[in-house]
Protein backbone atom coordinates (compact mmCIF):
# COMPACT_ATOMS: atom_id res chain seq x y z
CA UNK A 1 0.54 0.02 0.34
CA UNK A 2 1.31 3.62 -0.57
CA UNK A 3 2.29 6.00 2.50
CA UNK A 4 1.90 9.68 2.93
CA UNK A 5 3.54 11.77 5.59
CA UNK A 6 1.86 13.32 7.96
CA UNK A 7 3.03 16.16 10.47
CA UNK A 8 2.20 15.17 13.66
CA UNK A 9 1.96 15.62 17.64
CA UNK A 10 4.25 13.41 19.34
CA UNK A 11 1.37 11.71 21.70
CA UNK A 12 -0.68 10.49 18.32
CA UNK A 13 1.98 7.63 17.91
CA UNK A 14 0.72 5.75 21.41
CA UNK A 15 -2.81 6.80 20.72
CA UNK A 16 -5.51 4.20 20.42
CA UNK A 17 -9.08 3.60 21.49
CA UNK A 18 -9.66 2.30 25.22
CA UNK A 19 -13.54 0.99 24.16
CA UNK A 20 -15.63 -0.24 27.11
CA UNK A 21 -12.68 0.58 29.24
CA UNK A 22 -13.29 4.28 28.41
CA UNK A 23 -14.95 6.88 31.51
CA UNK A 24 -16.66 8.48 28.81
CA UNK A 25 -18.38 7.91 25.67
CA UNK A 26 -18.19 9.63 22.39
CA UNK A 27 -21.24 8.33 20.98
CA UNK A 28 -23.71 10.15 23.43
CA UNK A 29 -24.28 13.95 23.73
CA UNK A 30 -23.25 14.97 20.11
CA UNK A 31 -24.88 14.65 17.20
CA UNK A 32 -23.28 12.00 15.01
CA UNK A 33 -23.05 12.75 11.18
CA UNK A 34 -22.74 10.51 8.64
CA UNK A 35 -20.67 10.98 5.22
CA UNK A 36 -22.31 10.04 1.73
CA UNK A 37 -21.04 6.98 0.93
CA UNK A 38 -21.75 5.10 4.34
CA UNK A 39 -25.14 6.75 4.44
CA UNK A 40 -25.73 4.41 1.04
CA UNK A 41 -23.91 1.45 2.71
CA UNK A 42 -26.26 1.70 5.66
CA UNK A 43 -29.28 1.78 3.88
CA UNK A 44 -28.12 -1.07 1.90
CA UNK A 45 -26.30 -3.31 4.42
CA UNK A 46 -28.18 -6.61 5.92
CA UNK A 47 -27.21 -8.24 8.43
CA UNK A 48 -28.97 -9.75 11.61
CA UNK A 49 -26.88 -8.48 14.24
CA UNK A 50 -28.05 -4.72 12.63
CA UNK A 51 -31.87 -5.49 12.43
CA UNK A 52 -33.14 -2.15 12.01
CA UNK A 53 -30.26 0.70 11.11
CA UNK A 54 -31.76 2.11 7.95
CA UNK A 55 -34.41 3.61 10.46
CA UNK A 56 -32.10 4.98 12.65
CA UNK A 57 -30.35 7.21 10.10
CA UNK A 58 -31.88 10.21 8.45
CA UNK A 59 -30.69 12.71 5.96
CA UNK A 60 -29.15 15.93 7.62
CA UNK A 61 -31.20 18.84 6.76
CA UNK A 62 -28.23 21.36 7.55
CA UNK A 63 -25.81 18.96 4.80
CA UNK A 64 -23.39 21.56 3.07
CA UNK A 65 -20.88 18.91 2.36
CA UNK A 66 -20.63 15.21 2.12
CA UNK A 67 -19.44 14.53 5.49
CA UNK A 68 -22.10 15.33 6.90
CA UNK A 69 -24.79 14.25 4.32
CA UNK A 70 -26.94 12.06 7.36
CA UNK A 71 -26.92 11.58 10.84
CA UNK A 72 -28.27 9.03 13.51
CA UNK A 73 -30.95 9.51 15.10
CA UNK A 74 -30.21 9.58 18.69
CA UNK A 75 -32.01 8.01 21.50
CA UNK A 76 -33.77 9.91 23.98
CA UNK A 77 -30.68 9.52 26.13
CA UNK A 78 -28.67 10.94 23.76
CA UNK A 79 -26.97 7.75 23.18
CA UNK A 80 -26.32 6.52 19.76
CA UNK A 81 -28.62 3.18 18.89
CA UNK A 82 -25.60 1.42 17.78
CA UNK A 83 -23.82 1.67 21.37
CA UNK A 84 -24.26 -1.65 23.19
CA UNK A 85 -24.42 -1.88 27.04
CA UNK A 86 -20.68 -2.77 26.94
CA UNK A 87 -19.81 0.83 25.25
CA UNK A 88 -18.83 -1.18 21.85
CA UNK A 89 -20.48 -0.33 18.68
CA UNK A 90 -22.46 -2.90 17.44
CA UNK A 91 -21.98 -1.84 13.53
CA UNK A 92 -17.91 -2.36 14.04
CA UNK A 93 -18.78 -5.47 16.21
CA UNK A 94 -20.62 -6.84 13.44
CA UNK A 95 -19.10 -6.01 9.78
CA UNK A 96 -15.92 -4.18 10.83
CA UNK A 97 -14.09 -1.07 11.41
CA UNK A 98 -14.32 -0.41 7.55
CA UNK A 99 -18.22 0.36 7.83
CA UNK A 100 -17.86 3.04 10.30
CA UNK A 101 -18.74 6.71 8.90
CA UNK A 102 -15.92 8.90 8.83
CA UNK A 103 -16.92 10.84 11.65
CA UNK A 104 -16.73 7.86 13.87
CA UNK A 105 -13.66 6.23 12.38
CA UNK A 106 -11.52 9.56 12.34
CA UNK A 107 -12.25 10.73 15.89
CA UNK A 108 -10.41 12.01 18.48
CA UNK A 109 -7.93 12.46 15.60
CA UNK A 110 -7.96 16.11 14.17
CA UNK A 111 -6.35 16.42 10.48
CA UNK A 112 -5.89 19.91 9.23
CA UNK A 113 -3.97 21.01 6.00
CA UNK A 114 -1.21 23.57 6.15
CA UNK A 115 0.56 24.63 2.44
CA UNK A 116 -0.70 21.35 1.18
CA UNK A 117 0.78 19.28 3.98
CA UNK A 118 -1.12 17.25 6.73
CA UNK A 119 -1.06 17.88 10.28
CA UNK A 120 -2.35 15.79 12.93
CA UNK A 121 -3.72 15.73 16.55
CA UNK A 122 -6.22 14.78 19.28
CA UNK A 123 -9.18 16.38 20.68
CA UNK A 124 -8.97 16.69 24.41
CA UNK A 125 -12.69 15.53 24.22
CA UNK A 126 -11.54 12.01 24.59
CA UNK A 127 -10.43 10.67 27.93
CA UNK A 128 -7.68 8.28 26.42
CA UNK A 129 -6.42 11.37 24.44
CA UNK A 130 -6.68 13.77 26.99
CA UNK A 131 -4.29 12.08 29.46
CA UNK A 132 -2.00 11.07 26.55
CA UNK A 133 -1.63 15.16 26.00
CA UNK A 134 -1.96 16.96 29.50
CA UNK A 135 0.36 14.25 31.50
CA UNK A 136 3.05 14.66 29.04
CA UNK A 137 5.97 16.17 31.69
CA UNK A 138 8.32 16.73 28.89
CA UNK A 139 6.13 18.44 26.56
CA UNK A 140 4.37 18.58 23.31
CA UNK A 141 7.25 17.72 20.42
CA UNK A 142 6.31 17.58 16.85
CA UNK A 143 7.21 14.95 14.73
CA UNK A 144 6.75 13.35 11.22
CA UNK A 145 5.17 10.31 10.63
CA UNK A 146 4.06 8.05 7.21
CA UNK A 147 0.44 6.49 7.39
CA UNK A 148 -1.30 4.55 4.90
CA UNK A 149 -2.80 6.78 2.29
CA UNK A 150 -6.42 4.92 2.09
CA UNK A 151 -6.55 6.25 6.12
CA UNK A 152 -9.90 7.98 6.00
CA UNK A 153 -9.64 11.64 7.77
CA UNK A 154 -12.19 14.37 7.86
CA UNK A 155 -9.97 17.86 7.36
CA UNK A 156 -10.76 20.27 9.88
CA UNK A 157 -8.88 23.33 8.75
CA UNK A 158 -6.57 24.30 6.40
CA UNK A 159 -3.80 27.40 5.62
CA UNK A 160 -4.01 29.42 3.46
CA UNK A 161 -7.50 29.39 3.63
CA UNK A 162 -9.74 29.21 0.57
CA UNK A 163 -10.73 33.03 0.80
CA UNK A 164 -6.86 33.65 0.46
CA UNK A 165 -4.62 31.76 -1.64
CA UNK A 166 -1.83 33.38 -1.14
CA UNK A 167 -1.92 33.10 2.84
CA UNK A 168 0.23 35.80 4.82
CA UNK A 169 4.13 35.53 3.90
CA UNK A 170 5.14 35.14 7.35
CA UNK A 171 2.09 33.19 8.75
CA UNK A 172 4.38 29.99 10.11
CA UNK A 173 7.10 32.11 11.51
CA UNK A 174 4.50 33.61 14.23
CA UNK A 175 2.77 30.10 14.59
CA UNK A 176 6.20 28.78 15.39
CA UNK A 177 7.37 31.67 17.72
CA UNK A 178 3.57 31.37 19.89
CA UNK A 179 4.37 27.75 20.45
CA UNK A 180 7.90 28.40 21.53
CA UNK A 181 6.26 30.96 23.56
CA UNK A 182 3.70 28.51 25.15
CA UNK A 183 6.97 26.08 25.68
CA UNK A 184 9.07 28.60 27.60
CA UNK A 185 8.70 27.09 30.99
CA UNK A 186 10.83 30.29 32.58
CA UNK A 187 7.53 32.21 32.38
CA UNK A 188 4.47 31.70 34.01
CA UNK A 189 1.78 30.07 31.84
CA UNK A 190 -0.71 32.99 31.85
CA UNK A 191 2.39 35.38 30.98
CA UNK A 192 3.00 33.30 28.29
CA UNK A 193 -0.55 33.76 26.61
CA UNK A 194 -0.12 37.36 27.30
CA UNK A 195 3.12 37.48 25.64
CA UNK A 196 1.49 35.88 22.56
CA UNK A 197 -1.09 38.14 22.63
CA UNK A 198 1.87 41.39 22.61
CA UNK A 199 3.28 39.36 19.99
CA UNK A 200 0.09 39.14 17.70
CA UNK A 201 -0.41 43.00 18.78
CA UNK A 202 2.69 44.22 17.34
CA UNK A 203 2.89 42.11 14.09
CA UNK A 204 -0.55 43.51 13.24
CA UNK A 205 1.23 46.93 13.63
CA UNK A 206 4.18 46.52 11.83
CA UNK A 207 2.06 44.80 8.83
CA UNK A 208 0.54 48.68 8.50
CA UNK A 209 3.65 50.18 7.79
CA UNK A 210 6.61 47.76 7.31
CA UNK A 211 7.86 45.37 4.38
CA UNK A 212 7.76 41.40 5.02
CA UNK A 213 11.27 41.23 5.30
CA UNK A 214 11.65 43.64 7.72
CA UNK A 215 8.85 41.58 9.48
CA UNK A 216 10.53 38.50 9.11
CA UNK A 217 13.90 40.08 10.77
CA UNK A 218 11.84 41.32 14.00
CA UNK A 219 10.69 37.89 14.36
CA UNK A 220 13.63 36.03 13.86
CA UNK A 221 15.45 38.74 16.62
CA UNK A 222 12.23 37.90 19.03
CA UNK A 223 13.37 34.17 18.46
CA UNK A 224 16.57 34.68 19.59
CA UNK A 225 15.90 36.44 22.25
CA UNK A 226 13.60 33.67 23.80
CA UNK A 227 16.05 31.10 22.60
CA UNK A 228 18.92 32.77 24.73
CA UNK A 229 16.66 33.49 27.54
CA UNK A 230 17.38 37.86 27.03
CA UNK A 231 14.08 38.80 27.66
CA UNK A 232 13.44 42.36 29.07
CA UNK A 233 10.89 42.91 31.79
CA UNK A 234 7.65 44.68 30.71
CA UNK A 235 7.09 47.94 32.55
CA UNK A 236 3.60 48.85 33.95
CA UNK A 237 1.85 45.55 34.21
CA UNK A 238 -2.06 46.02 35.07
CA UNK A 239 -3.25 43.88 38.07
CA UNK A 240 -6.64 43.40 36.62
CA UNK A 241 -9.66 43.14 39.10
CA UNK A 242 -9.90 39.45 40.34
CA UNK A 243 -13.96 40.13 40.36
CA UNK A 244 -14.26 41.44 37.52
CA UNK A 245 -12.52 38.56 36.22
CA UNK A 246 -14.37 35.86 37.95
CA UNK A 247 -17.91 37.92 37.18
CA UNK A 248 -16.84 37.83 33.22
CA UNK A 249 -16.17 34.25 33.20
CA UNK A 250 -19.32 33.06 35.22
CA UNK A 251 -21.56 34.91 32.50
CA UNK A 252 -19.48 32.52 30.13
CA UNK A 253 -20.30 29.88 32.03
CA UNK A 254 -23.56 30.40 32.49
CA UNK A 255 -23.85 31.05 28.36
CA UNK A 256 -23.35 27.60 27.89
CA UNK A 257 -25.14 26.15 31.07
CA UNK A 258 -28.54 27.75 29.84
CA UNK A 259 -28.02 26.01 26.45
CA UNK A 260 -27.86 22.35 28.40
CA UNK A 261 -25.07 20.52 29.30
CA UNK A 262 -25.66 16.60 28.43
CA UNK A 263 -22.27 15.50 29.77
CA UNK A 264 -22.48 14.24 33.32
CA UNK A 265 -19.06 13.65 33.85
CA UNK A 266 -19.08 17.75 33.11
CA UNK A 267 -22.05 18.00 35.33
CA UNK A 268 -20.01 16.64 38.40
CA UNK A 269 -17.06 18.86 37.82
CA UNK A 270 -19.52 22.08 37.77
CA UNK A 271 -21.27 20.85 41.44
CA UNK A 272 -17.76 20.62 42.70
CA UNK A 273 -16.60 24.25 41.40
CA UNK A 274 -19.39 25.68 42.32
CA UNK A 275 -19.71 23.85 45.85
CA UNK A 276 -16.18 24.73 46.49
CA UNK A 277 -16.90 28.82 45.69
CA UNK A 278 -20.26 28.43 47.36
CA UNK A 279 -21.92 29.76 44.74
CA UNK A 280 -25.67 30.39 45.45
CA UNK A 281 -26.69 33.14 42.99
CA UNK A 282 -25.53 35.29 40.08
CA UNK A 283 -24.00 37.72 42.53
CA UNK A 284 -20.47 37.44 43.57
CA UNK A 285 -20.04 37.41 47.64
CA UNK A 286 -17.09 38.01 49.54
CA UNK A 287 -17.65 34.73 50.87
CA UNK A 288 -17.16 33.04 47.10
CA UNK A 289 -13.85 35.62 47.04
CA UNK A 290 -12.47 34.62 50.10
CA UNK A 291 -13.22 31.06 48.92
CA UNK A 292 -11.32 31.42 45.40
CA UNK A 293 -8.27 33.01 47.04
CA UNK A 294 -8.55 30.26 49.73
CA UNK A 295 -8.41 27.72 46.84
CA UNK A 296 -5.68 29.03 44.69
CA UNK A 297 -3.26 30.19 47.56
CA UNK A 298 -3.34 27.18 49.81
CA UNK A 299 -4.44 24.23 46.49
CA UNK A 300 -4.09 25.11 43.08
CA UNK A 301 -1.00 26.96 42.76
CA UNK A 302 0.97 24.50 44.91
CA UNK A 303 -0.19 21.72 42.84
CA UNK A 304 0.47 23.88 39.47
CA UNK A 305 3.90 24.95 40.39
CA UNK A 306 4.93 20.94 40.20
CA UNK A 307 2.44 20.36 37.45
CA UNK A 308 2.68 23.35 35.29
CA UNK A 309 3.27 21.31 32.15
CA UNK A 310 -0.45 20.13 32.34
CA UNK A 311 -1.58 23.55 31.01
CA UNK A 312 1.34 24.04 28.85
CA UNK A 313 0.32 21.10 27.44
CA UNK A 314 -3.61 22.37 26.86
CA UNK A 315 -2.40 25.96 25.44
CA UNK A 316 -0.20 24.40 22.84
CA UNK A 317 -2.36 21.63 21.54
CA UNK A 318 -5.05 24.22 20.94
CA UNK A 319 -2.84 26.45 19.30
CA UNK A 320 -1.59 23.87 16.89
CA UNK A 321 -5.21 22.49 16.50
CA UNK A 322 -6.91 25.68 15.87
CA UNK A 323 -4.21 26.93 13.47
CA UNK A 324 -3.38 30.00 15.57
CA UNK A 325 -2.56 32.58 14.62
CA UNK A 326 -5.32 31.37 11.63
CA UNK A 327 -7.15 34.81 11.08
CA UNK A 328 -10.97 35.44 12.80
CA UNK A 329 -12.17 37.71 9.93
CA UNK A 330 -8.73 39.12 9.61
CA UNK A 331 -7.91 39.47 13.35
CA UNK A 332 -5.56 37.21 14.69
CA UNK A 333 -5.78 38.52 18.75
CA UNK A 334 -9.83 37.24 18.19
CA UNK A 335 -8.27 33.74 17.99
CA UNK A 336 -6.31 33.92 20.46
CA UNK A 337 -8.35 35.99 22.65
CA UNK A 338 -10.84 32.99 22.36
CA UNK A 339 -8.05 30.36 23.35
CA UNK A 340 -7.39 32.73 26.06
CA UNK A 341 -10.70 32.89 28.04
CA UNK A 342 -11.05 29.08 27.10
CA UNK A 343 -7.82 28.83 29.19
CA UNK A 344 -9.03 31.44 31.94
CA UNK A 345 -12.17 29.16 32.05
CA UNK A 346 -10.49 26.07 33.01
CA UNK A 347 -8.36 28.01 35.67
CA UNK A 348 -11.52 29.07 37.11
CA UNK A 349 -12.72 25.74 37.20
CA UNK A 350 -9.69 24.05 38.39
CA UNK A 351 -9.47 26.50 41.79
CA UNK A 352 -13.08 25.90 42.36
CA UNK A 353 -12.55 22.34 42.07
CA UNK A 354 -9.53 22.36 44.49
CA UNK A 355 -11.05 24.61 46.77
CA UNK A 356 -13.77 21.71 47.26
CA UNK A 357 -11.39 18.66 46.84
CA UNK A 358 -7.94 20.67 48.98
CA UNK A 359 -5.72 17.91 49.21
CA UNK A 360 -7.60 15.40 47.30
CA UNK A 361 -7.20 17.69 44.43
CA UNK A 362 -4.85 16.15 41.78
CA UNK A 363 -3.73 14.79 38.17
CA UNK A 364 -7.32 12.85 37.59
CA UNK A 365 -9.22 15.86 38.85
CA UNK A 366 -7.68 18.40 36.05
CA UNK A 367 -7.52 15.78 33.03
CA UNK A 368 -11.72 15.07 34.18
CA UNK A 369 -12.34 18.88 33.87
CA UNK A 370 -10.48 19.49 30.83
CA UNK A 371 -11.41 16.31 28.98
CA UNK A 372 -15.33 17.07 29.96
CA UNK A 373 -15.15 20.91 29.56
CA UNK A 374 -13.81 20.57 26.12
CA UNK A 375 -16.16 17.48 25.40
CA UNK A 376 -19.10 20.43 26.34
CA UNK A 377 -17.72 23.43 24.89
CA UNK A 378 -15.57 22.87 21.83
CA UNK A 379 -18.20 21.00 19.85
CA UNK A 380 -20.99 23.15 20.40
CA UNK A 381 -20.14 25.83 17.73
CA UNK A 382 -23.61 27.91 18.54
CA UNK A 383 -21.71 28.46 22.37
CA UNK A 384 -18.42 29.15 20.59
CA UNK A 385 -19.67 32.13 18.56
CA UNK A 386 -21.52 33.35 21.36
CA UNK A 387 -18.69 33.12 23.73
CA UNK A 388 -16.78 35.33 20.81
CA UNK A 389 -19.91 37.55 20.96
CA UNK A 390 -19.97 37.82 24.40
CA UNK A 391 -16.07 39.11 24.82
CA UNK A 392 -16.89 41.51 21.64
CA UNK A 393 -19.49 42.86 23.79
CA UNK A 394 -17.24 44.02 26.75
CA UNK A 395 -16.13 46.72 24.66
CA UNK A 396 -12.54 46.31 25.99
CA UNK A 397 -9.74 46.02 23.18
CA UNK A 398 -8.55 42.22 22.61
CA UNK A 399 -5.47 42.91 23.88
CA UNK A 400 -6.39 44.83 26.88
CA UNK A 401 -8.96 41.71 27.50
CA UNK A 402 -6.54 39.18 27.13
CA UNK A 403 -4.51 41.10 30.00
CA UNK A 404 -7.74 41.06 32.49
CA UNK A 405 -7.84 37.22 31.75
CA UNK A 406 -4.26 36.14 32.54
CA UNK A 407 -2.30 39.05 34.13
CA UNK A 408 -1.56 38.36 37.70
CA UNK A 409 -4.07 39.82 40.34
CA UNK A 410 -2.14 39.91 43.61
CA UNK A 411 -3.10 36.50 44.18
CA UNK A 412 0.55 35.04 43.00
CA UNK A 413 3.14 35.78 46.01
CA UNK A 414 6.30 34.95 45.31
CA UNK A 415 8.48 33.47 48.30
CA UNK A 416 11.77 34.95 49.23
CA UNK A 417 14.06 33.37 47.38
CA UNK A 418 11.29 33.59 44.19
CA UNK A 419 10.99 36.11 42.11
CA UNK A 420 8.60 37.18 39.32
CA UNK A 421 9.58 35.65 36.00
CA UNK A 422 10.31 38.52 33.42
CA UNK A 423 8.53 39.50 30.57
CA UNK A 424 9.40 39.72 26.46
CA UNK A 425 9.25 43.33 25.38
CA UNK A 426 8.03 43.70 22.01
């Protein structure tokens, strides 16, 4: 068989579905699309163990391409009718993996195309993938792999975009620098997100008046500073109001909650978050703020000082997977703001869980929250659009809003022999 080259994140070599051992299932709570070719096969398939399959699929009235031509009719509990009680697929068990739809065969693998080259990563929505991604203490690395050319995949994104086939001359250079910044462990992960935003803001400014070669030279110089560790301090760092940040994050969470949350695992996490912070109303009380600060200082911050790679891997996987700085209506800061807001939501909820679980807070809780959060948020396009709209509705410019979401708030108090890491000037 012929082979093809795929650029991949290193954890993909170790990924495999763990089937009935999985603590969650990708076959419940979502719409399951069926591609046109598989839909046709299901209509014709006759098998004693698959009686009634044709009546459990339907054309998708919202279909805009072959990949989502049809869909599975979900049961009242939102489980796929093909999901057996042991959490195995009866189609795969009866006639093999080759009869799965493209989406079922590919998940949780995410495939993008960058300048004609395939890139592969995995969705954090899958518990097995989430553990491989988050628990990698050495950090995510980028590798080149071979695979069978016939292996099915669904193309999620591509660069350059179809409406701008020429792209930007320094897009890949900016992207590589963003990932380098996210993996610079001499900086707090929150500061890395802020420095990524400052880089994108600077590139936007340069793009208005400078030639591509000049911009490329600037980016090369910044990469050199980053590699050498000669990063000057940033003057005048703002210290935004913690209550304002929490109010915004609660609004973003509540906007998803009112749409309904079918994932029980995430509901359990939210119960722990709100229990830990004693939230009983939409108002932020002094007691809730005190609980947040205590949970952060006593349990969350010490844990993350030892396990900071967790959130680094979360951010790097998101940056790579979303093709950041993929332009959102020609504004790369909006895409970075979106990533940063989701990061801030994760951190906010982890602090709440730490406040609730106290000394019991551990690695499994971080994986549990991020996996179920990703499954609930990232696969809800209407909510994702609403989130971006709500962030814009604040009226705060993207760079300033990113700083509000991640800049130090006074909770981070260095010890006598530990100083605040310096930041990179743009």
